[in-house]
Amino acid sequence: MFFKPNSKINEKSINVAFQSTFTFWGFTLLVNALFEMAQDKPLISNSFVILFVGLAIFFLTEQIANYFSKNRN
């Protein structure tokens, strides 16, 4: 009832969003670790900021990919 399968989901858009979010989080955590090693303090000290920016990137990328996917057809 709560988790009904949605037939309107565009799998390609979801995959693009997953890849962009994973890339963002990986790059951000790498840069944060390098800054912490070099300067003894991270570039972004709040983990929630990294989390929520990544989630925002996911949803925005999904919407943009859906837009381009619909305009291509």
N, C-alpha and C. Protein backbone atom coordinates (compact mmCIF):
# COMPACT_ATOMS: atom_id res chain seq x y z
N MET A 1 0.82 -1.18 0.00
CA MET A 1 0.00 0.00 0.00
C MET A 1 0.88 1.26 0.00
N PHE A 2 1.85 1.32 0.88
CA PHE A 2 2.69 2.51 0.96
C PHE A 2 3.74 2.52 -0.15
N PHE A 3 4.32 1.36 -0.43
CA PHE A 3 5.35 1.27 -1.46
C PHE A 3 4.81 0.57 -2.70
N LYS A 4 3.91 1.23 -3.38
CA LYS A 4 3.37 0.68 -4.61
C LYS A 4 4.36 0.87 -5.74
N PRO A 5 4.47 -0.10 -6.64
CA PRO A 5 5.35 0.10 -7.79
C PRO A 5 4.83 1.23 -8.67
N ASN A 6 5.73 2.08 -9.09
CA ASN A 6 5.37 3.22 -9.91
C ASN A 6 5.83 2.96 -11.34
N SER A 7 4.88 2.90 -12.25
CA SER A 7 5.23 2.62 -13.64
C SER A 7 5.70 3.86 -14.39
N LYS A 8 5.60 5.04 -13.78
CA LYS A 8 5.99 6.28 -14.43
C LYS A 8 7.46 6.64 -14.19
N ILE A 9 8.18 5.83 -13.44
CA ILE A 9 9.57 6.13 -13.12
C ILE A 9 10.45 5.93 -14.35
N ASN A 10 11.29 6.90 -14.61
CA ASN A 10 12.25 6.82 -15.69
C ASN A 10 13.56 6.29 -15.11
N GLU A 11 13.88 5.04 -15.40
CA GLU A 11 15.05 4.38 -14.82
C GLU A 11 16.36 5.07 -15.22
N LYS A 12 16.44 5.58 -16.44
CA LYS A 12 17.66 6.26 -16.88
C LYS A 12 17.91 7.52 -16.06
N SER A 13 16.86 8.26 -15.77
CA SER A 13 17.01 9.48 -14.97
C SER A 13 17.45 9.16 -13.55
N ILE A 14 16.90 8.09 -13.00
CA ILE A 14 17.28 7.67 -11.65
C ILE A 14 18.75 7.27 -11.62
N ASN A 15 19.20 6.52 -12.63
CA ASN A 15 20.60 6.09 -12.68
C ASN A 15 21.55 7.28 -12.83
N VAL A 16 21.17 8.26 -13.64
CA VAL A 16 21.99 9.46 -13.78
C VAL A 16 22.07 10.20 -12.45
N ALA A 17 20.95 10.28 -11.75
CA ALA A 17 20.92 10.96 -10.45
C ALA A 17 21.77 10.21 -9.42
N PHE A 18 21.69 8.87 -9.41
CA PHE A 18 22.52 8.09 -8.50
C PHE A 18 24.00 8.32 -8.77
N GLN A 19 24.38 8.29 -10.03
CA GLN A 19 25.79 8.45 -10.39
C GLN A 19 26.31 9.85 -10.04
N SER A 20 25.51 10.86 -10.30
CA SER A 20 25.96 12.22 -9.99
C SER A 20 26.06 12.44 -8.49
N THR A 21 25.13 11.89 -7.72
CA THR A 21 25.18 12.03 -6.27
C THR A 21 26.37 11.28 -5.69
N PHE A 22 26.59 10.06 -6.17
CA PHE A 22 27.74 9.28 -5.68
C PHE A 22 29.04 9.99 -6.01
N THR A 23 29.14 10.55 -7.21
CA THR A 23 30.34 11.28 -7.61
C THR A 23 30.54 12.50 -6.73
N PHE A 24 29.47 13.25 -6.46
CA PHE A 24 29.57 14.43 -5.60
C PHE A 24 30.04 14.05 -4.21
N TRP A 25 29.38 13.03 -3.61
CA TRP A 25 29.76 12.63 -2.26
C TRP A 25 31.19 12.12 -2.20
N GLY A 26 31.59 11.31 -3.17
CA GLY A 26 32.96 10.80 -3.18
C GLY A 26 33.98 11.90 -3.31
N PHE A 27 33.76 12.83 -4.23
CA PHE A 27 34.68 13.94 -4.44
C PHE A 27 34.73 14.85 -3.21
N THR A 28 33.57 15.14 -2.63
CA THR A 28 33.51 16.02 -1.46
C THR A 28 34.22 15.39 -0.27
N LEU A 29 33.99 14.11 -0.03
CA LEU A 29 34.65 13.45 1.09
C LEU A 29 36.16 13.35 0.87
N LEU A 30 36.59 13.14 -0.37
CA LEU A 30 38.02 13.11 -0.67
C LEU A 30 38.66 14.47 -0.42
N VAL A 31 38.03 15.52 -0.92
CA VAL A 31 38.57 16.87 -0.72
C VAL A 31 38.56 17.22 0.77
N ASN A 32 37.51 16.84 1.48
CA ASN A 32 37.43 17.10 2.91
C ASN A 32 38.56 16.39 3.65
N ALA A 33 38.83 15.14 3.29
CA ALA A 33 39.91 14.39 3.94
C ALA A 33 41.27 15.02 3.64
N LEU A 34 41.47 15.45 2.40
CA LEU A 34 42.75 16.09 2.05
C LEU A 34 42.94 17.40 2.80
N PHE A 35 41.88 18.19 2.92
CA PHE A 35 41.98 19.43 3.68
C PHE A 35 42.25 19.15 5.15
N GLU A 36 41.63 18.11 5.68
CA GLU A 36 41.84 17.79 7.09
C GLU A 36 43.28 17.32 7.34
N MET A 37 43.83 16.59 6.39
CA MET A 37 45.22 16.15 6.53
C MET A 37 46.18 17.33 6.40
N ALA A 38 45.91 18.23 5.48
CA ALA A 38 46.83 19.33 5.20
C ALA A 38 46.71 20.47 6.22
N GLN A 39 45.48 20.80 6.62
CA GLN A 39 45.28 21.98 7.45
C GLN A 39 44.73 21.67 8.84
N ASP A 40 44.59 20.40 9.16
CA ASP A 40 44.05 19.96 10.46
C ASP A 40 42.62 20.42 10.72
N LYS A 41 41.91 20.78 9.67
CA LYS A 41 40.48 21.07 9.79
C LYS A 41 39.83 20.78 8.44
N PRO A 42 38.62 20.24 8.46
CA PRO A 42 37.95 19.92 7.19
C PRO A 42 37.44 21.17 6.50
N LEU A 43 37.23 21.06 5.20
CA LEU A 43 36.69 22.18 4.42
C LEU A 43 35.23 22.42 4.81
N ILE A 44 34.45 21.34 4.90
CA ILE A 44 33.04 21.40 5.34
C ILE A 44 32.96 20.61 6.63
N SER A 45 32.76 21.29 7.75
CA SER A 45 32.82 20.62 9.04
C SER A 45 31.51 19.94 9.41
N ASN A 46 30.41 20.28 8.77
CA ASN A 46 29.12 19.72 9.12
C ASN A 46 28.73 18.63 8.12
N SER A 47 28.57 17.41 8.61
CA SER A 47 28.22 16.29 7.74
C SER A 47 26.81 16.40 7.18
N PHE A 48 25.92 17.06 7.91
CA PHE A 48 24.55 17.23 7.42
C PHE A 48 24.51 18.10 6.17
N VAL A 49 25.41 19.05 6.07
CA VAL A 49 25.48 19.89 4.88
C VAL A 49 25.84 19.04 3.67
N ILE A 50 26.81 18.16 3.83
CA ILE A 50 27.21 17.27 2.73
C ILE A 50 26.05 16.36 2.36
N LEU A 51 25.37 15.81 3.35
CA LEU A 51 24.24 14.92 3.11
C LEU A 51 23.12 15.62 2.35
N PHE A 52 22.70 16.79 2.84
CA PHE A 52 21.56 17.46 2.23
C PHE A 52 21.89 18.06 0.86
N VAL A 53 23.11 18.50 0.66
CA VAL A 53 23.49 18.97 -0.67
C VAL A 53 23.49 17.81 -1.65
N GLY A 54 23.96 16.66 -1.20
CA GLY A 54 23.93 15.46 -2.06
C GLY A 54 22.51 15.06 -2.41
N LEU A 55 21.61 15.11 -1.44
CA LEU A 55 20.20 14.78 -1.71
C LEU A 55 19.57 15.80 -2.66
N ALA A 56 19.91 17.07 -2.48
CA ALA A 56 19.39 18.10 -3.39
C ALA A 56 19.91 17.86 -4.81
N ILE A 57 21.18 17.49 -4.92
CA ILE A 57 21.75 17.19 -6.23
C ILE A 57 21.03 16.01 -6.86
N PHE A 58 20.71 14.99 -6.05
CA PHE A 58 19.99 13.83 -6.57
C PHE A 58 18.65 14.24 -7.17
N PHE A 59 17.85 14.98 -6.42
CA PHE A 59 16.52 15.33 -6.90
C PHE A 59 16.57 16.31 -8.07
N LEU A 60 17.48 17.26 -8.02
CA LEU A 60 17.61 18.20 -9.14
C LEU A 60 18.10 17.50 -10.40
N THR A 61 19.06 16.61 -10.27
CA THR A 61 19.56 15.88 -11.43
C THR A 61 18.48 15.00 -12.02
N GLU A 62 17.69 14.37 -11.16
CA GLU A 62 16.59 13.54 -11.67
C GLU A 62 15.58 14.38 -12.46
N GLN A 63 15.23 15.55 -11.94
CA GLN A 63 14.29 16.42 -12.64
C GLN A 63 14.85 16.90 -13.97
N ILE A 64 16.12 17.28 -13.99
CA ILE A 64 16.75 17.75 -15.23
C ILE A 64 16.84 16.63 -16.25
N ALA A 65 17.21 15.43 -15.79
CA ALA A 65 17.29 14.28 -16.71
C ALA A 65 15.91 13.92 -17.25
N ASN A 66 14.88 14.01 -16.42
CA ASN A 66 13.51 13.76 -16.89
C ASN A 66 13.09 14.79 -17.93
N TYR A 67 13.46 16.04 -17.71
CA TYR A 67 13.12 17.11 -18.64
C TYR A 67 13.76 16.86 -20.01
N PHE A 68 15.05 16.54 -20.01
CA PHE A 68 15.74 16.28 -21.28
C PHE A 68 15.24 15.01 -21.93
N SER A 69 14.87 14.02 -21.13
CA SER A 69 14.36 12.77 -21.67
C SER A 69 13.00 12.98 -22.36
N LYS A 70 12.16 13.79 -21.77
CA LYS A 70 10.83 14.05 -22.37
C LYS A 70 10.94 14.91 -23.60
N ASN A 71 11.89 15.85 -23.63
CA ASN A 71 12.05 16.72 -24.80
C ASN A 71 12.71 16.01 -25.96
N ARG A 72 13.46 14.96 -25.70
CA ARG A 72 14.12 14.22 -26.77
C ARG A 72 13.12 13.41 -27.57
N ASN A 73 12.09 12.92 -26.93
CA ASN A 73 11.09 12.07 -27.61
C ASN A 73 10.12 12.85 -28.40
